[in-house]
Amino acid sequence: MMVTLVYFASFREKLGQDREQMDLPATVSNVADLIGHIVSDRDAVWQQTLQAANVLVAVNQEMVEEDHPVADGDEVAFFPPVTGG
């Protein structure tokens, strides 16, 4: 299953890239599984960034929770938490 991963705002700077294609194993069925797979072979910056409790995730431009399914061809976007002042 191929998905496109997109990293926005400060995530793009922290992770050093804005997008990538990833071929996922059959064991990845939802956003939580996907995050676990992404960080499994990357450094601590990736783990701290994508496994933070306040990460916002969109699948095909719709905001979702971590139990949302992931399918072949999906675009999964990661956003830092919104802050203001």
C-alpha atoms as a PDB file:
ATOM      1  CA  MET A   1       0.000   0.000   0.000  1.00  0.00           C
ATOM      2  CA  MET A   2       1.482   3.336  -1.091  1.00  0.00           C
ATOM      3  CA  VAL A   3       0.655   6.570   0.734  1.00  0.00           C
ATOM      4  CA  THR A   4       1.908  10.134   0.461  1.00  0.00           C
ATOM      5  CA  LEU A   5       3.042  11.754   3.697  1.00  0.00           C
ATOM      6  CA  VAL A   6       3.053  15.546   3.988  1.00  0.00           C
ATOM      7  CA  TYR A   7       4.666  17.535   6.814  1.00  0.00           C
ATOM      8  CA  PHE A   8       3.576  21.135   7.447  1.00  0.00           C
ATOM      9  CA  ALA A   9       4.919  24.228   9.208  1.00  0.00           C
ATOM     10  CA  SER A  10       7.426  23.555  12.001  1.00  0.00           C
ATOM     11  CA  PHE A  11       7.263  19.805  11.303  1.00  0.00           C
ATOM     12  CA  ARG A  12       8.750  20.450   7.864  1.00  0.00           C
ATOM     13  CA  GLU A  13      11.711  22.264   9.461  1.00  0.00           C
ATOM     14  CA  LYS A  14      12.218  19.738  12.291  1.00  0.00           C
ATOM     15  CA  LEU A  15      12.057  16.698  10.016  1.00  0.00           C
ATOM     16  CA  GLY A  16      13.967  18.213   7.110  1.00  0.00           C
ATOM     17  CA  GLN A  17      11.416  17.379   4.424  1.00  0.00           C
ATOM     18  CA  ASP A  18       7.946  18.365   3.347  1.00  0.00           C
ATOM     19  CA  ARG A  19       6.689  15.188   1.662  1.00  0.00           C
ATOM     20  CA  GLU A  20       7.515  11.578   0.934  1.00  0.00           C
ATOM     21  CA  GLN A  21       6.014   8.448  -0.583  1.00  0.00           C
ATOM     22  CA  MET A  22       5.945   5.382   1.642  1.00  0.00           C
ATOM     23  CA  ASP A  23       5.170   1.764   0.850  1.00  0.00           C
ATOM     24  CA  LEU A  24       3.416   0.352   3.925  1.00  0.00           C
ATOM     25  CA  PRO A  25       3.222  -3.254   5.101  1.00  0.00           C
ATOM     26  CA  ALA A  26      -0.171  -4.930   5.479  1.00  0.00           C
ATOM     27  CA  THR A  27       0.100  -4.540   9.268  1.00  0.00           C
ATOM     28  CA  VAL A  28      -0.519  -0.779   8.973  1.00  0.00           C
ATOM     29  CA  SER A  29      -4.272  -0.243   9.029  1.00  0.00           C
ATOM     30  CA  ASN A  30      -4.823   3.138  10.714  1.00  0.00           C
ATOM     31  CA  VAL A  31      -3.117   6.429  11.534  1.00  0.00           C
ATOM     32  CA  ALA A  32      -1.679   5.156  14.838  1.00  0.00           C
ATOM     33  CA  ASP A  33      -0.091   2.174  13.059  1.00  0.00           C
ATOM     34  CA  LEU A  34       1.243   4.521  10.380  1.00  0.00           C
ATOM     35  CA  ILE A  35       2.906   6.819  12.914  1.00  0.00           C
ATOM     36  CA  GLY A  36       4.472   3.821  14.632  1.00  0.00           C
ATOM     37  CA  HIS A  37       5.798   2.566  11.303  1.00  0.00           C
ATOM     38  CA  ILE A  38       7.201   5.972  10.289  1.00  0.00           C
ATOM     39  CA  VAL A  39       9.169   6.454  13.503  1.00  0.00           C
ATOM     40  CA  SER A  40      10.280   2.823  13.912  1.00  0.00           C
ATOM     41  CA  ASP A  41      13.557   3.284  12.039  1.00  0.00           C
ATOM     42  CA  ARG A  42      14.125   7.021  12.449  1.00  0.00           C
ATOM     43  CA  ASP A  43      15.831   9.142  15.081  1.00  0.00           C
ATOM     44  CA  ALA A  44      14.407  10.646  18.268  1.00  0.00           C
ATOM     45  CA  VAL A  45      13.397  13.900  16.541  1.00  0.00           C
ATOM     46  CA  TRP A  46      10.892  11.970  14.420  1.00  0.00           C
ATOM     47  CA  GLN A  47       9.561  10.126  17.462  1.00  0.00           C
ATOM     48  CA  GLN A  48       9.186  13.287  19.549  1.00  0.00           C
ATOM     49  CA  THR A  49       7.550  15.165  16.674  1.00  0.00           C
ATOM     50  CA  LEU A  50       5.047  12.630  15.359  1.00  0.00           C
ATOM     51  CA  GLN A  51       4.234  10.809  18.606  1.00  0.00           C
ATOM     52  CA  ALA A  52       3.378  13.962  20.571  1.00  0.00           C
ATOM     53  CA  ALA A  53      -0.140  13.905  22.010  1.00  0.00           C
ATOM     54  CA  ASN A  54      -1.191  17.106  20.247  1.00  0.00           C
ATOM     55  CA  VAL A  55      -0.221  16.256  16.649  1.00  0.00           C
ATOM     56  CA  LEU A  56      -2.974  17.022  14.137  1.00  0.00           C
ATOM     57  CA  VAL A  57      -3.480  14.561  11.278  1.00  0.00           C
ATOM     58  CA  ALA A  58      -5.508  14.809   8.079  1.00  0.00           C
ATOM     59  CA  VAL A  59      -6.228  11.980   5.662  1.00  0.00           C
ATOM     60  CA  ASN A  60      -7.175  13.189   2.192  1.00  0.00           C
ATOM     61  CA  GLN A  61      -7.634  16.725   3.566  1.00  0.00           C
ATOM     62  CA  GLU A  62     -10.030  15.683   6.347  1.00  0.00           C
ATOM     63  CA  MET A  63      -8.943  16.004   9.983  1.00  0.00           C
ATOM     64  CA  VAL A  64      -9.020  12.581  11.653  1.00  0.00           C
ATOM     65  CA  GLU A  65      -8.213  10.742  14.883  1.00  0.00           C
ATOM     66  CA  GLU A  66      -5.517   8.085  15.251  1.00  0.00           C
ATOM     67  CA  ASP A  67      -8.001   5.221  14.801  1.00  0.00           C
ATOM     68  CA  HIS A  68      -8.935   6.426  11.290  1.00  0.00           C
ATOM     69  CA  PRO A  69      -8.154   3.839   8.583  1.00  0.00           C
ATOM     70  CA  VAL A  70      -5.363   4.362   6.056  1.00  0.00           C
ATOM     71  CA  ALA A  71      -5.754   3.011   2.518  1.00  0.00           C
ATOM     72  CA  ASP A  72      -3.705   2.715  -0.651  1.00  0.00           C
ATOM     73  CA  GLY A  73      -3.318   6.082  -2.377  1.00  0.00           C
ATOM     74  CA  ASP A  74      -4.156   8.179   0.695  1.00  0.00           C
ATOM     75  CA  GLU A  75      -2.459  11.472   1.436  1.00  0.00           C
ATOM     76  CA  VAL A  76      -1.695  11.756   5.154  1.00  0.00           C
ATOM     77  CA  ALA A  77      -0.719  15.201   6.426  1.00  0.00           C
ATOM     78  CA  PHE A  78       0.828  16.036   9.791  1.00  0.00           C
ATOM     79  CA  PHE A  79       0.398  19.453  11.426  1.00  0.00           C
ATOM     80  CA  PRO A  80       1.816  20.930  14.620  1.00  0.00           C
ATOM     81  CA  PRO A  81      -0.724  22.060  17.206  1.00  0.00           C
ATOM     82  CA  VAL A  82      -2.332  25.422  16.513  1.00  0.00           C
ATOM     83  CA  THR A  83      -1.245  28.207  18.823  1.00  0.00           C
ATOM     84  CA  GLY A  84      -2.177  31.811  18.999  1.00  0.00           C
ATOM     85  CA  GLY A  85      -1.954  34.848  21.089  1.00  0.00           C
END
